[in-house]
Amino acid sequence: MHIMQYVRIPLERVPVLIGENGETLRDLEKQTRTRMQLDDTSVEIEGDSMDEWIAVDVVKAVGRGFPPEKALKLLKEDMTLMIISLKDYTGTKKELSRKKGRIIGEKGRTRKFIEDITCSDICIYGNTVGIIGSLDDVEIAREAILRLIRGSQHAAVYRFLEGQRRQKIQLDYY
């Protein structure tokens, strides 16, 4: 018995998923070896179960604000997608906005620093933060983001990230 996968994405992300004249969607189908049908905000994905599983993550990533070319990094076996719901850590819209600002940083520097240290891609969209990278890198980025959300000083988070980078360099060396 074959089961199709369904993914819901925000309406404003549907044109990004489809692309100009349907090119992006066709490219996603080709690269994930699946068939995708759109019905408003629901995407039906059909294919081999492993291909479906990967395609679901790619579509989720596009739905969470990643450009399709970054979402396609999930085709690599060692890449993963993690989505952090900011609603779990905020009470008001004002607080949500403040916490998103802490993650992004002045002129996007904090987000960029986390991306550079962890070799991952981060997208803040709506009430979520999406991270694409290797499992270890995504875990480090997640921890840095959660520390910022919980109110840690940026300098302390940067020190944490630098320590993780040094540790990774040592592990890679030996």
Protein backbone atom coordinates (compact mmCIF):
# COMPACT_ATOMS: atom_id res chain seq x y z
CA MET A 1 0.00 0.00 0.00
CA HIS A 2 1.35 3.39 -1.01
CA ILE A 3 0.67 6.45 1.12
CA MET A 4 1.00 9.97 -0.27
CA GLN A 5 2.44 12.74 1.87
CA TYR A 6 0.69 16.06 2.38
CA VAL A 7 2.35 19.31 3.44
CA ARG A 8 0.65 22.62 4.13
CA ILE A 9 2.51 25.82 3.36
CA PRO A 10 1.50 29.48 3.76
CA LEU A 11 -0.43 30.90 0.80
CA GLU A 12 2.20 33.59 0.16
CA ARG A 13 4.89 30.89 -0.25
CA VAL A 14 2.96 28.96 -2.95
CA PRO A 15 4.23 31.19 -5.83
CA VAL A 16 7.82 30.64 -4.61
CA LEU A 17 7.26 26.87 -4.65
CA ILE A 18 5.74 26.97 -8.14
CA GLY A 19 8.24 29.43 -9.63
CA GLU A 20 8.00 31.21 -12.94
CA ASN A 21 5.84 29.18 -15.34
CA GLY A 22 6.03 26.23 -12.94
CA GLU A 23 9.79 25.84 -13.39
CA THR A 24 10.68 25.60 -9.71
CA LEU A 25 8.04 22.96 -8.99
CA ARG A 26 9.14 20.88 -12.02
CA ASP A 27 12.76 21.17 -10.89
CA LEU A 28 11.84 20.09 -7.34
CA GLU A 29 9.89 17.13 -8.73
CA LYS A 30 12.80 16.11 -10.95
CA GLN A 31 15.45 16.41 -8.22
CA THR A 32 13.34 14.64 -5.56
CA ARG A 33 12.00 12.05 -8.05
CA THR A 34 8.42 12.75 -6.93
CA ARG A 35 5.16 14.14 -8.31
CA MET A 36 3.65 17.15 -6.56
CA GLN A 37 0.10 18.45 -6.81
CA LEU A 38 -0.92 21.78 -5.29
CA ASP A 39 -4.38 22.51 -3.94
CA ASP A 40 -4.41 26.02 -2.43
CA THR A 41 -1.95 25.68 0.46
CA SER A 42 -1.74 21.89 0.49
CA VAL A 43 0.98 20.06 -1.43
CA GLU A 44 0.41 16.38 -2.23
CA ILE A 45 3.68 14.50 -2.73
CA GLU A 46 3.84 11.10 -4.39
CA GLY A 47 6.86 8.91 -5.04
CA ASP A 48 9.14 6.32 -3.47
CA SER A 49 8.84 6.56 0.33
CA MET A 50 12.42 7.82 0.86
CA ASP A 51 12.07 10.35 -1.97
CA GLU A 52 8.72 11.49 -0.51
CA TRP A 53 10.30 11.95 2.91
CA ILE A 54 13.05 14.18 1.45
CA ALA A 55 10.56 16.09 -0.73
CA VAL A 56 8.39 16.80 2.34
CA ASP A 57 11.36 18.48 4.05
CA VAL A 58 12.22 20.46 0.90
CA VAL A 59 8.61 21.72 0.59
CA LYS A 60 8.47 22.49 4.34
CA ALA A 61 11.70 24.49 4.02
CA VAL A 62 10.28 26.55 1.13
CA GLY A 63 7.08 27.02 3.15
CA ARG A 64 9.15 28.28 6.11
CA GLY A 65 10.82 30.97 4.02
CA PHE A 66 13.89 29.33 2.48
CA PRO A 67 14.54 29.97 -1.21
CA PRO A 68 14.18 26.73 -3.23
CA GLU A 69 17.92 26.57 -4.01
CA LYS A 70 18.74 26.50 -0.27
CA ALA A 71 15.92 24.03 0.43
CA LEU A 72 17.42 21.68 -2.17
CA LYS A 73 20.48 21.26 0.08
CA LEU A 74 18.24 18.80 1.92
CA LEU A 75 18.77 16.36 -0.97
CA LYS A 76 22.22 15.66 0.46
CA GLU A 77 22.11 12.68 2.79
CA ASP A 78 23.83 14.44 5.71
CA MET A 79 21.58 17.53 5.66
CA THR A 80 18.58 18.08 7.90
CA LEU A 81 15.86 20.66 8.53
CA MET A 82 14.95 21.86 12.00
CA ILE A 83 12.10 24.26 12.69
CA ILE A 84 11.89 26.13 15.99
CA SER A 85 8.49 27.58 16.87
CA LEU A 86 8.97 30.98 18.50
CA LYS A 87 5.41 30.80 19.83
CA ASP A 88 6.69 28.28 22.40
CA TYR A 89 8.98 30.97 23.83
CA THR A 90 6.92 34.15 23.51
CA GLY A 91 3.67 35.48 24.88
CA THR A 92 2.97 38.68 22.98
CA LYS A 93 3.54 39.95 19.44
CA LYS A 94 5.89 42.58 20.85
CA GLU A 95 7.94 39.89 22.59
CA LEU A 96 7.96 37.78 19.40
CA SER A 97 9.24 40.75 17.41
CA ARG A 98 11.95 41.46 20.00
CA LYS A 99 13.14 37.83 20.03
CA LYS A 100 13.21 37.69 16.23
CA GLY A 101 15.29 40.87 16.32
CA ARG A 102 17.73 39.29 18.79
CA ILE A 103 18.22 36.29 16.46
CA ILE A 104 18.63 38.46 13.36
CA GLY A 105 20.85 41.04 15.06
CA GLU A 106 21.83 44.46 13.81
CA LYS A 107 21.87 44.40 9.99
CA GLY A 108 21.53 40.60 10.11
CA ARG A 109 24.96 40.13 11.70
CA THR A 110 23.92 37.71 14.44
CA ARG A 111 22.12 35.38 12.06
CA LYS A 112 25.05 35.56 9.64
CA PHE A 113 27.54 34.81 12.44
CA ILE A 114 25.57 31.73 13.51
CA GLU A 115 25.33 30.60 9.86
CA ASP A 116 29.05 31.11 9.27
CA ILE A 117 30.21 29.31 12.43
CA THR A 118 27.81 26.38 12.00
CA CYS A 119 27.94 26.14 8.16
CA SER A 120 24.13 26.19 8.17
CA ASP A 121 21.37 28.29 6.62
CA ILE A 122 18.91 30.08 8.90
CA CYS A 123 15.59 31.61 7.92
CA ILE A 124 13.35 33.59 10.27
CA TYR A 125 9.82 33.55 8.87
CA GLY A 126 6.55 34.29 10.66
CA ASN A 127 6.63 32.59 14.06
CA THR A 128 9.41 30.17 13.18
CA VAL A 129 13.15 29.87 12.74
CA GLY A 130 14.26 27.28 10.19
CA ILE A 131 17.75 25.80 10.14
CA ILE A 132 19.27 23.70 7.34
CA GLY A 133 22.62 21.99 7.83
CA SER A 134 24.32 18.83 9.04
CA LEU A 135 22.80 17.35 12.21
CA ASP A 136 25.69 18.47 14.43
CA ASP A 137 25.73 21.98 12.96
CA VAL A 138 21.94 22.32 13.24
CA GLU A 139 22.12 21.31 16.92
CA ILE A 140 24.77 23.97 17.62
CA ALA A 141 22.79 26.64 15.73
CA ARG A 142 19.63 25.59 17.61
CA GLU A 143 21.38 25.94 20.96
CA ALA A 144 22.72 29.40 20.03
CA ILE A 145 19.24 30.52 18.91
CA LEU A 146 17.57 29.16 22.05
CA ARG A 147 20.15 30.98 24.19
CA LEU A 148 19.30 34.24 22.40
CA ILE A 149 15.57 33.59 22.81
CA ARG A 150 16.05 32.96 26.54
CA GLY A 151 17.86 36.28 26.90
CA SER A 152 21.57 35.38 26.92
CA GLN A 153 23.84 38.24 25.95
CA HIS A 154 25.02 38.18 22.35
CA ALA A 155 28.67 38.14 23.48
CA ALA A 156 28.02 34.99 25.55
CA VAL A 157 26.36 33.29 22.57
CA TYR A 158 29.27 34.29 20.31
CA ARG A 159 31.72 32.80 22.86
CA PHE A 160 29.66 29.59 22.91
CA LEU A 161 29.79 29.42 19.10
CA GLU A 162 33.54 30.14 18.99
CA GLY A 163 34.09 27.37 21.54
CA GLN A 164 32.05 24.97 19.41
CA ARG A 165 34.08 25.94 16.35
CA ARG A 166 37.39 25.33 18.20
CA GLN A 167 36.08 21.97 19.41
CA LYS A 168 35.05 21.02 15.86
CA ILE A 169 38.45 22.03 14.46
CA GLN A 170 40.19 19.87 17.08
CA LEU A 171 37.94 16.89 16.31
CA ASP A 172 38.54 17.30 12.58
CA TYR A 173 42.30 17.53 13.20
CA TYR A 174 42.55 14.24 15.11
